[in-house]
């Protein structure tokens, strides 16, 4: 029984960490609550991007292969997430 409880707690902790990874509240300060704001007047309107475009952009920022003037800022924002986390997040906000 004790092993089941420990396993359940570990699973919950992993699920919570994964859910936290796709939480975009920090993103909305620049991109807006509905994702239509151009961050600092420079980014694309994220609300008009597809899931695939968002995922590719986020992964590109992480790799340092995508982005103009905001490349450094965004790399710091997404660098801590796995590609799977970025894919999952893109599914929650894209078209």
PDB file of N, CA and C in Angstrom:
ATOM      1  N   UNK A   1       0.828  -1.190   0.000  1.00  0.00           N
ATOM      2  CA  UNK A   1       0.000   0.000   0.000  1.00  0.00           C
ATOM      3  C   UNK A   1       0.872   1.252   0.000  1.00  0.00           C
ATOM      4  N   UNK A   2       1.929   1.220   0.806  1.00  0.00           N
ATOM      5  CA  UNK A   2       2.817   2.376   0.898  1.00  0.00           C
ATOM      6  C   UNK A   2       3.467   2.664  -0.454  1.00  0.00           C
ATOM      7  N   UNK A   3       3.832   1.600  -1.184  1.00  0.00           N
ATOM      8  CA  UNK A   3       4.444   1.771  -2.499  1.00  0.00           C
ATOM      9  C   UNK A   3       3.465   2.406  -3.482  1.00  0.00           C
ATOM     10  N   UNK A   4       2.206   2.039  -3.384  1.00  0.00           N
ATOM     11  CA  UNK A   4       1.187   2.606  -4.269  1.00  0.00           C
ATOM     12  C   UNK A   4       1.027   4.098  -3.996  1.00  0.00           C
ATOM     13  N   UNK A   5       1.004   4.481  -2.749  1.00  0.00           N
ATOM     14  CA  UNK A   5       0.875   5.896  -2.384  1.00  0.00           C
ATOM     15  C   UNK A   5       2.076   6.685  -2.896  1.00  0.00           C
ATOM     16  N   UNK A   6       3.263   6.152  -2.711  1.00  0.00           N
ATOM     17  CA  UNK A   6       4.478   6.834  -3.178  1.00  0.00           C
ATOM     18  C   UNK A   6       4.457   6.960  -4.699  1.00  0.00           C
ATOM     19  N   UNK A   7       4.068   5.895  -5.383  1.00  0.00           N
ATOM     20  CA  UNK A   7       3.998   5.937  -6.845  1.00  0.00           C
ATOM     21  C   UNK A   7       2.957   6.951  -7.310  1.00  0.00           C
ATOM     22  N   UNK A   8       1.838   7.014  -6.609  1.00  0.00           N
ATOM     23  CA  UNK A   8       0.793   7.976  -6.964  1.00  0.00           C
ATOM     24  C   UNK A   8       1.270   9.408  -6.782  1.00  0.00           C
ATOM     25  N   UNK A   9       1.966   9.672  -5.705  1.00  0.00           N
ATOM     26  CA  UNK A   9       2.490  11.015  -5.447  1.00  0.00           C
ATOM     27  C   UNK A   9       3.525  11.392  -6.504  1.00  0.00           C
ATOM     28  N   UNK A  10       4.379  10.455  -6.858  1.00  0.00           N
ATOM     29  CA  UNK A  10       5.393  10.717  -7.888  1.00  0.00           C
ATOM     30  C   UNK A  10       4.737  11.011  -9.234  1.00  0.00           C
ATOM     31  N   UNK A  11       3.712  10.243  -9.569  1.00  0.00           N
ATOM     32  CA  UNK A  11       2.996  10.469 -10.827  1.00  0.00           C
ATOM     33  C   UNK A  11       2.325  11.831 -10.833  1.00  0.00           C
ATOM     34  N   UNK A  12       1.709  12.197  -9.734  1.00  0.00           N
ATOM     35  CA  UNK A  12       1.066  13.504  -9.620  1.00  0.00           C
ATOM     36  C   UNK A  12       2.090  14.624  -9.759  1.00  0.00           C
ATOM     37  N   UNK A  13       3.238  14.463  -9.158  1.00  0.00           N
ATOM     38  CA  UNK A  13       4.288  15.483  -9.250  1.00  0.00           C
ATOM     39  C   UNK A  13       4.752  15.651 -10.690  1.00  0.00           C
ATOM     40  N   UNK A  14       4.930  14.549 -11.399  1.00  0.00           N
ATOM     41  CA  UNK A  14       5.340  14.628 -12.806  1.00  0.00           C
ATOM     42  C   UNK A  14       4.255  15.262 -13.661  1.00  0.00           C
ATOM     43  N   UNK A  15       3.019  14.900 -13.426  1.00  0.00           N
ATOM     44  CA  UNK A  15       1.911  15.478 -14.192  1.00  0.00           C
ATOM     45  C   UNK A  15       1.793  16.968 -13.922  1.00  0.00           C
ATOM     46  N   UNK A  16       1.966  17.373 -12.680  1.00  0.00           N
ATOM     47  CA  UNK A  16       1.893  18.789 -12.325  1.00  0.00           C
ATOM     48  C   UNK A  16       3.015  19.565 -12.996  1.00  0.00           C
ATOM     49  N   UNK A  17       4.206  19.017 -13.026  1.00  0.00           N
ATOM     50  CA  UNK A  17       5.327  19.691 -13.686  1.00  0.00           C
ATOM     51  C   UNK A  17       5.046  19.845 -15.168  1.00  0.00           C
ATOM     52  N   UNK A  18       4.488  18.817 -15.790  1.00  0.00           N
ATOM     53  CA  UNK A  18       4.166  18.888 -17.209  1.00  0.00           C
ATOM     54  C   UNK A  18       3.075  19.913 -17.470  1.00  0.00           C
ATOM     55  N   UNK A  19       2.064  19.950 -16.615  1.00  0.00           N
ATOM     56  CA  UNK A  19       0.992  20.922 -16.772  1.00  0.00           C
ATOM     57  C   UNK A  19       1.523  22.334 -16.589  1.00  0.00           C
ATOM     58  N   UNK A  20       2.436  22.520 -15.665  1.00  0.00           N
ATOM     59  CA  UNK A  20       3.004  23.845 -15.432  1.00  0.00           C
ATOM     60  C   UNK A  20       3.784  24.307 -16.649  1.00  0.00           C
ATOM     61  N   UNK A  21       4.381  23.371 -17.361  1.00  0.00           N
ATOM     62  CA  UNK A  21       5.181  23.720 -18.526  1.00  0.00           C
ATOM     63  C   UNK A  21       4.329  24.351 -19.621  1.00  0.00           C
ATOM     64  N   UNK A  22       3.081  23.969 -19.738  1.00  0.00           N
ATOM     65  CA  UNK A  22       2.237  24.518 -20.792  1.00  0.00           C
ATOM     66  C   UNK A  22       1.383  25.686 -20.309  1.00  0.00           C
ATOM     67  N   UNK A  23       1.621  26.163 -19.114  1.00  0.00           N
ATOM     68  CA  UNK A  23       0.897  27.310 -18.585  1.00  0.00           C
ATOM     69  C   UNK A  23       1.456  28.581 -19.222  1.00  0.00           C
ATOM     70  N   UNK A  24       0.641  29.286 -19.975  1.00  0.00           N
ATOM     71  CA  UNK A  24       1.111  30.451 -20.716  1.00  0.00           C
ATOM     72  C   UNK A  24       0.857  31.787 -20.066  1.00  0.00           C
ATOM     73  N   UNK A  25       0.597  31.822 -18.771  1.00  0.00           N
ATOM     74  CA  UNK A  25       0.303  33.102 -18.116  1.00  0.00           C
ATOM     75  C   UNK A  25       1.444  34.100 -18.265  1.00  0.00           C
ATOM     76  N   UNK A  26       2.674  33.635 -18.210  1.00  0.00           N
ATOM     77  CA  UNK A  26       3.812  34.547 -18.368  1.00  0.00           C
ATOM     78  C   UNK A  26       3.852  35.123 -19.781  1.00  0.00           C
ATOM     79  N   UNK A  27       3.364  34.374 -20.742  1.00  0.00           N
ATOM     80  CA  UNK A  27       3.391  34.812 -22.144  1.00  0.00           C
ATOM     81  C   UNK A  27       2.376  35.923 -22.412  1.00  0.00           C
ATOM     82  N   UNK A  28       1.265  35.895 -21.690  1.00  0.00           N
ATOM     83  CA  UNK A  28       0.190  36.837 -21.981  1.00  0.00           C
ATOM     84  C   UNK A  28       0.545  38.280 -21.643  1.00  0.00           C
ATOM     85  N   UNK A  29       1.543  38.498 -20.820  1.00  0.00           N
ATOM     86  CA  UNK A  29       1.914  39.882 -20.515  1.00  0.00           C
ATOM     87  C   UNK A  29       2.442  40.588 -21.760  1.00  0.00           C
ATOM     88  N   UNK A  30       3.058  39.871 -22.668  1.00  0.00           N
ATOM     89  CA  UNK A  30       3.550  40.464 -23.927  1.00  0.00           C
ATOM     90  C   UNK A  30       2.621  40.179 -25.105  1.00  0.00           C
ATOM     91  N   UNK A  31       2.032  38.978 -25.137  1.00  0.00           N
ATOM     92  CA  UNK A  31       1.231  38.564 -26.292  1.00  0.00           C
ATOM     93  C   UNK A  31      -0.266  38.780 -26.107  1.00  0.00           C
ATOM     94  N   UNK A  32      -0.708  39.199 -24.928  1.00  0.00           N
ATOM     95  CA  UNK A  32      -2.119  39.443 -24.667  1.00  0.00           C
ATOM     96  C   UNK A  32      -2.868  38.183 -24.278  1.00  0.00           C
ATOM     97  N   UNK A  33      -3.962  38.374 -23.565  1.00  0.00           N
ATOM     98  CA  UNK A  33      -4.755  37.246 -23.075  1.00  0.00           C
ATOM     99  C   UNK A  33      -5.348  36.421 -24.216  1.00  0.00           C
ATOM    100  N   UNK A  34      -5.623  37.065 -25.352  1.00  0.00           N
ATOM    101  CA  UNK A  34      -6.177  36.336 -26.496  1.00  0.00           C
ATOM    102  C   UNK A  34      -5.127  36.087 -27.579  1.00  0.00           C
ATOM    103  N   UNK A  35      -3.864  36.329 -27.273  1.00  0.00           N
ATOM    104  CA  UNK A  35      -2.710  36.068 -28.134  1.00  0.00           C
ATOM    105  C   UNK A  35      -2.652  36.953 -29.382  1.00  0.00           C
ATOM    106  N   UNK A  36      -3.459  38.024 -29.443  1.00  0.00           N
ATOM    107  CA  UNK A  36      -3.503  38.856 -30.647  1.00  0.00           C
ATOM    108  C   UNK A  36      -2.565  40.059 -30.588  1.00  0.00           C
ATOM    109  N   UNK A  37      -1.956  40.299 -29.456  1.00  0.00           N
ATOM    110  CA  UNK A  37      -1.055  41.446 -29.292  1.00  0.00           C
ATOM    111  C   UNK A  37       0.326  41.109 -29.862  1.00  0.00           C
ATOM    112  N   UNK A  38       0.869  42.021 -30.650  1.00  0.00           N
ATOM    113  CA  UNK A  38       2.228  41.839 -31.170  1.00  0.00           C
ATOM    114  C   UNK A  38       3.196  42.249 -30.070  1.00  0.00           C
ATOM    115  N   UNK A  39       3.903  41.295 -29.538  1.00  0.00           N
ATOM    116  CA  UNK A  39       4.797  41.537 -28.398  1.00  0.00           C
ATOM    117  C   UNK A  39       5.797  42.639 -28.728  1.00  0.00           C
ATOM    118  N   UNK A  40       5.785  43.679 -27.906  1.00  0.00           N
ATOM    119  CA  UNK A  40       6.663  44.831 -28.080  1.00  0.00           C
ATOM    120  C   UNK A  40       6.590  45.398 -29.494  1.00  0.00           C
ATOM    121  N   UNK A  41       5.449  45.187 -30.155  1.00  0.00           N
ATOM    122  CA  UNK A  41       5.240  45.687 -31.504  1.00  0.00           C
ATOM    123  C   UNK A  41       6.063  44.988 -32.572  1.00  0.00           C
ATOM    124  N   UNK A  42       6.673  43.861 -32.243  1.00  0.00           N
ATOM    125  CA  UNK A  42       7.596  43.201 -33.172  1.00  0.00           C
ATOM    126  C   UNK A  42       7.193  41.788 -33.572  1.00  0.00           C
ATOM    127  N   UNK A  43       6.452  41.100 -32.740  1.00  0.00           N
ATOM    128  CA  UNK A  43       6.168  39.688 -33.029  1.00  0.00           C
ATOM    129  C   UNK A  43       4.987  39.548 -33.984  1.00  0.00           C
ATOM    130  N   UNK A  44       4.774  38.320 -34.418  1.00  0.00           N
ATOM    131  CA  UNK A  44       3.583  38.001 -35.202  1.00  0.00           C
ATOM    132  C   UNK A  44       2.381  37.977 -34.269  1.00  0.00           C
ATOM    133  N   UNK A  45       1.198  38.056 -34.850  1.00  0.00           N
ATOM    134  CA  UNK A  45      -0.054  37.888 -34.117  1.00  0.00           C
ATOM    135  C   UNK A  45      -0.226  36.383 -33.900  1.00  0.00           C
ATOM    136  N   UNK A  46       0.084  35.918 -32.717  1.00  0.00           N
ATOM    137  CA  UNK A  46       0.077  34.481 -32.421  1.00  0.00           C
ATOM    138  C   UNK A  46      -1.312  33.882 -32.606  1.00  0.00           C
ATOM    139  N   UNK A  47      -2.356  34.671 -32.393  1.00  0.00           N
ATOM    140  CA  UNK A  47      -3.716  34.147 -32.530  1.00  0.00           C
ATOM    141  C   UNK A  47      -4.031  33.735 -33.966  1.00  0.00           C
ATOM    142  N   UNK A  48      -3.257  34.212 -34.919  1.00  0.00           N
ATOM    143  CA  UNK A  48      -3.475  33.876 -36.328  1.00  0.00           C
ATOM    144  C   UNK A  48      -2.561  32.759 -36.822  1.00  0.00           C
ATOM    145  N   UNK A  49      -1.727  32.237 -35.949  1.00  0.00           N
ATOM    146  CA  UNK A  49      -0.790  31.179 -36.331  1.00  0.00           C
ATOM    147  C   UNK A  49      -1.398  29.802 -36.075  1.00  0.00           C
ATOM    148  N   UNK A  50      -0.975  28.825 -36.855  1.00  0.00           N
ATOM    149  CA  UNK A  50      -1.433  27.449 -36.646  1.00  0.00           C
ATOM    150  C   UNK A  50      -0.639  26.815 -35.504  1.00  0.00           C
ATOM    151  N   UNK A  51      -1.141  25.681 -35.038  1.00  0.00           N
ATOM    152  CA  UNK A  51      -0.420  24.931 -34.001  1.00  0.00           C
ATOM    153  C   UNK A  51       0.998  24.624 -34.472  1.00  0.00           C
ATOM    154  N   UNK A  52       1.113  24.179 -35.722  1.00  0.00           N
ATOM    155  CA  UNK A  52       2.423  23.800 -36.266  1.00  0.00           C
ATOM    156  C   UNK A  52       3.362  25.002 -36.351  1.00  0.00           C
ATOM    157  N   UNK A  53       2.846  26.156 -36.761  1.00  0.00           N
ATOM    158  CA  UNK A  53       3.680  27.361 -36.846  1.00  0.00           C
ATOM    159  C   UNK A  53       4.177  27.780 -35.467  1.00  0.00           C
ATOM    160  N   UNK A  54       3.297  27.710 -34.485  1.00  0.00           N
ATOM    161  CA  UNK A  54       3.682  28.090 -33.122  1.00  0.00           C
ATOM    162  C   UNK A  54       4.731  27.124 -32.585  1.00  0.00           C
ATOM    163  N   UNK A  55       4.495  25.829 -32.754  1.00  0.00           N
ATOM    164  CA  UNK A  55       5.456  24.831 -32.267  1.00  0.00           C
ATOM    165  C   UNK A  55       6.814  25.022 -32.932  1.00  0.00           C
ATOM    166  N   UNK A  56       6.820  25.231 -34.245  1.00  0.00           N
ATOM    167  CA  UNK A  56       8.083  25.426 -34.964  1.00  0.00           C
ATOM    168  C   UNK A  56       8.792  26.690 -34.488  1.00  0.00           C
ATOM    169  N   UNK A  57       8.033  27.748 -34.258  1.00  0.00           N
ATOM    170  CA  UNK A  57       8.626  29.000 -33.779  1.00  0.00           C
ATOM    171  C   UNK A  57       9.236  28.824 -32.395  1.00  0.00           C
ATOM    172  N   UNK A  58       8.487  28.203 -31.493  1.00  0.00           N
ATOM    173  CA  UNK A  58       8.983  28.007 -30.129  1.00  0.00           C
ATOM    174  C   UNK A  58      10.241  27.143 -30.114  1.00  0.00           C
ATOM    175  N   UNK A  59      10.231  26.070 -30.896  1.00  0.00           N
ATOM    176  CA  UNK A  59      11.411  25.198 -30.960  1.00  0.00           C
ATOM    177  C   UNK A  59      12.584  25.926 -31.611  1.00  0.00           C
ATOM    178  N   UNK A  60      12.292  26.771 -32.600  1.00  0.00           N
ATOM    179  CA  UNK A  60      13.340  27.561 -33.235  1.00  0.00           C
ATOM    180  C   UNK A  60      13.954  28.568 -32.279  1.00  0.00           C
ATOM    181  N   UNK A  61      13.111  29.207 -31.475  1.00  0.00           N
ATOM    182  CA  UNK A  61      13.636  30.120 -30.449  1.00  0.00           C
ATOM    183  C   UNK A  61      14.541  29.355 -29.490  1.00  0.00           C
ATOM    184  N   UNK A  62      14.085  28.178 -29.079  1.00  0.00           N
ATOM    185  CA  UNK A  62      14.862  27.360 -28.141  1.00  0.00           C
ATOM    186  C   UNK A  62      16.225  26.993 -28.727  1.00  0.00           C
ATOM    187  N   UNK A  63      16.245  26.647 -30.010  1.00  0.00           N
ATOM    188  CA  UNK A  63      17.487  26.244 -30.676  1.00  0.00           C
ATOM    189  C   UNK A  63      18.338  27.439 -31.110  1.00  0.00           C
ATOM    190  N   UNK A  64      17.733  28.630 -31.091  1.00  0.00           N
ATOM    191  CA  UNK A  64      18.449  29.821 -31.535  1.00  0.00           C
ATOM    192  C   UNK A  64      18.475  29.981 -33.046  1.00  0.00           C
ATOM    193  N   UNK A  65      17.599  29.253 -33.738  1.00  0.00           N
ATOM    194  CA  UNK A  65      17.567  29.287 -35.202  1.00  0.00           C
ATOM    195  C   UNK A  65      16.416  30.108 -35.759  1.00  0.00           C
ATOM    196  N   UNK A  66      15.597  30.692 -34.900  1.00  0.00           N
ATOM    197  CA  UNK A  66      14.415  31.425 -35.342  1.00  0.00           C
ATOM    198  C   UNK A  66      14.333  32.743 -34.596  1.00  0.00           C
ATOM    199  N   UNK A  67      13.824  33.732 -35.288  1.00  0.00           N
ATOM    200  CA  UNK A  67      13.508  34.991 -34.629  1.00  0.00           C
ATOM    201  C   UNK A  67      14.438  36.115 -35.001  1.00  0.00           C
ATOM    202  N   UNK A  68      13.881  37.284 -34.950  1.00  0.00           N
ATOM    203  CA  UNK A  68      14.648  38.490 -35.229  1.00  0.00           C
ATOM    204  C   UNK A  68      15.106  39.133 -33.939  1.00  0.00           C
ATOM    205  N   UNK A  69      14.654  40.367 -33.711  1.00  0.00           N
ATOM    206  CA  UNK A  69      15.124  41.119 -32.548  1.00  0.00           C
ATOM    207  C   UNK A  69      14.755  40.488 -31.197  1.00  0.00           C
ATOM    208  N   UNK A  70      13.747  39.640 -31.172  1.00  0.00           N
ATOM    209  CA  UNK A  70      13.298  39.053 -29.906  1.00  0.00           C
ATOM    210  C   UNK A  70      13.919  37.679 -29.643  1.00  0.00           C
ATOM    211  N   UNK A  71      14.818  37.265 -30.519  1.00  0.00           N
ATOM    212  CA  UNK A  71      15.401  35.922 -30.431  1.00  0.00           C
ATOM    213  C   UNK A  71      15.995  35.627 -29.051  1.00  0.00           C
ATOM    214  N   UNK A  72      16.811  36.511 -28.534  1.00  0.00           N
ATOM    215  CA  UNK A  72      17.461  36.280 -27.243  1.00  0.00           C
ATOM    216  C   UNK A  72      16.478  36.216 -26.094  1.00  0.00           C
ATOM    217  N   UNK A  73      15.506  37.113 -26.099  1.00  0.00           N
ATOM    218  CA  UNK A  73      14.492  37.134 -25.044  1.00  0.00           C
ATOM    219  C   UNK A  73      13.683  35.845 -25.054  1.00  0.00           C
ATOM    220  N   UNK A  74      13.234  35.453 -26.231  1.00  0.00           N
ATOM    221  CA  UNK A  74      12.401  34.261 -26.325  1.00  0.00           C
ATOM    222  C   UNK A  74      13.182  32.979 -26.043  1.00  0.00           C
ATOM    223  N   UNK A  75      14.446  32.937 -26.416  1.00  0.00           N
ATOM    224  CA  UNK A  75      15.250  31.743 -26.117  1.00  0.00           C
ATOM    225  C   UNK A  75      15.287  31.520 -24.607  1.00  0.00           C
ATOM    226  N   UNK A  76      15.413  32.593 -23.856  1.00  0.00           N
ATOM    227  CA  UNK A  76      15.399  32.480 -22.401  1.00  0.00           C
ATOM    228  C   UNK A  76      14.058  32.025 -21.858  1.00  0.00           C
ATOM    229  N   UNK A  77      12.981  32.389 -22.538  1.00  0.00           N
ATOM    230  CA  UNK A  77      11.644  32.021 -22.083  1.00  0.00           C
ATOM    231  C   UNK A  77      11.326  30.548 -22.338  1.00  0.00           C
ATOM    232  N   UNK A  78      11.776  30.020 -23.462  1.00  0.00           N
ATOM    233  CA  UNK A  78      11.393  28.653 -23.836  1.00  0.00           C
ATOM    234  C   UNK A  78      12.488  27.615 -23.633  1.00  0.00           C
ATOM    235  N   UNK A  79      13.693  28.047 -23.336  1.00  0.00           N
ATOM    236  CA  UNK A  79      14.831  27.137 -23.239  1.00  0.00           C
ATOM    237  C   UNK A  79      14.699  26.053 -22.191  1.00  0.00           C
ATOM    238  N   UNK A  80      13.904  26.295 -21.172  1.00  0.00           N
ATOM    239  CA  UNK A  80      13.783  25.319 -20.079  1.00  0.00           C
ATOM    240  C   UNK A  80      12.767  24.214 -20.365  1.00  0.00           C
ATOM    241  N   UNK A  81      12.038  24.341 -21.468  1.00  0.00           N
ATOM    242  CA  UNK A  81      10.988  23.369 -21.766  1.00  0.00           C
ATOM    243  C   UNK A  81      11.451  22.333 -22.789  1.00  0.00           C
ATOM    244  N   UNK A  82      10.901  21.142 -22.690  1.00  0.00           N
ATOM    245  CA  UNK A  82      11.201  20.099 -23.676  1.00  0.00           C
ATOM    246  C   UNK A  82      10.424  20.390 -24.960  1.00  0.00           C
ATOM    247  N   UNK A  83      10.834  19.763 -26.042  1.00  0.00           N
ATOM    248  CA  UNK A  83      10.102  19.916 -27.296  1.00  0.00           C
ATOM    249  C   UNK A  83       8.666  19.418 -27.146  1.00  0.00           C
ATOM    250  N   UNK A  84       8.478  18.360 -26.377  1.00  0.00           N
ATOM    251  CA  UNK A  84       7.126  17.835 -26.146  1.00  0.00           C
ATOM    252  C   UNK A  84       6.272  18.859 -25.403  1.00  0.00           C
ATOM    253  N   UNK A  85       6.860  19.547 -24.421  1.00  0.00           N
ATOM    254  CA  UNK A  85       6.135  20.596 -23.704  1.00  0.00           C
ATOM    255  C   UNK A  85       5.741  21.716 -24.659  1.00  0.00           C
ATOM    256  N   UNK A  86       6.653  22.101 -25.543  1.00  0.00           N
ATOM    257  CA  UNK A  86       6.376  23.176 -26.497  1.00  0.00           C
ATOM    258  C   UNK A  86       5.294  22.759 -27.487  1.00  0.00           C
ATOM    259  N   UNK A  87       5.325  21.508 -27.935  1.00  0.00           N
ATOM    260  CA  UNK A  87       4.273  21.000 -28.821  1.00  0.00           C
ATOM    261  C   UNK A  87       2.917  21.039 -28.124  1.00  0.00           C
ATOM    262  N   UNK A  88       2.882  20.582 -26.881  1.00  0.00           N
ATOM    263  CA  UNK A  88       1.628  20.573 -26.125  1.00  0.00           C
ATOM    264  C   UNK A  88       1.110  21.989 -25.926  1.00  0.00           C
ATOM    265  N   UNK A  89       1.989  22.909 -25.615  1.00  0.00           N
ATOM    266  CA  UNK A  89       1.587  24.299 -25.420  1.00  0.00           C
ATOM    267  C   UNK A  89       1.037  24.886 -26.716  1.00  0.00           C
ATOM    268  N   UNK A  90       1.695  24.617 -27.834  1.00  0.00           N
ATOM    269  CA  UNK A  90       1.231  25.125 -29.129  1.00  0.00           C
ATOM    270  C   UNK A  90      -0.180  24.631 -29.440  1.00  0.00           C
ATOM    271  N   UNK A  91      -0.489  23.411 -29.024  1.00  0.00           N
ATOM    272  CA  UNK A  91      -1.830  22.868 -29.260  1.00  0.00           C
ATOM    273  C   UNK A  91      -2.900  23.618 -28.476  1.00  0.00           C
ATOM    274  N   UNK A  92      -2.516  24.260 -27.386  1.00  0.00           N
ATOM    275  CA  UNK A  92      -3.506  24.967 -26.567  1.00  0.00           C
ATOM    276  C   UNK A  92      -3.774  26.378 -27.058  1.00  0.00           C
ATOM    277  N   UNK A  93      -2.902  26.932 -27.900  1.00  0.00           N
ATOM    278  CA  UNK A  93      -3.099  28.325 -28.305  1.00  0.00           C
ATOM    279  C   UNK A  93      -3.205  28.550 -29.806  1.00  0.00           C
ATOM    280  N   UNK A  94      -2.829  27.606 -30.620  1.00  0.00           N
ATOM    281  CA  UNK A  94      -2.858  27.815 -32.062  1.00  0.00           C
ATOM    282  C   UNK A  94      -4.208  27.513 -32.682  1.00  0.00           C
ATOM    283  N   UNK A  95      -4.261  27.735 -33.991  1.00  0.00           N
ATOM    284  CA  UNK A  95      -5.488  27.450 -34.743  1.00  0.00           C
ATOM    285  C   UNK A  95      -5.492  26.012 -35.219  1.00  0.00           C
TER     286      UNK A  95
END
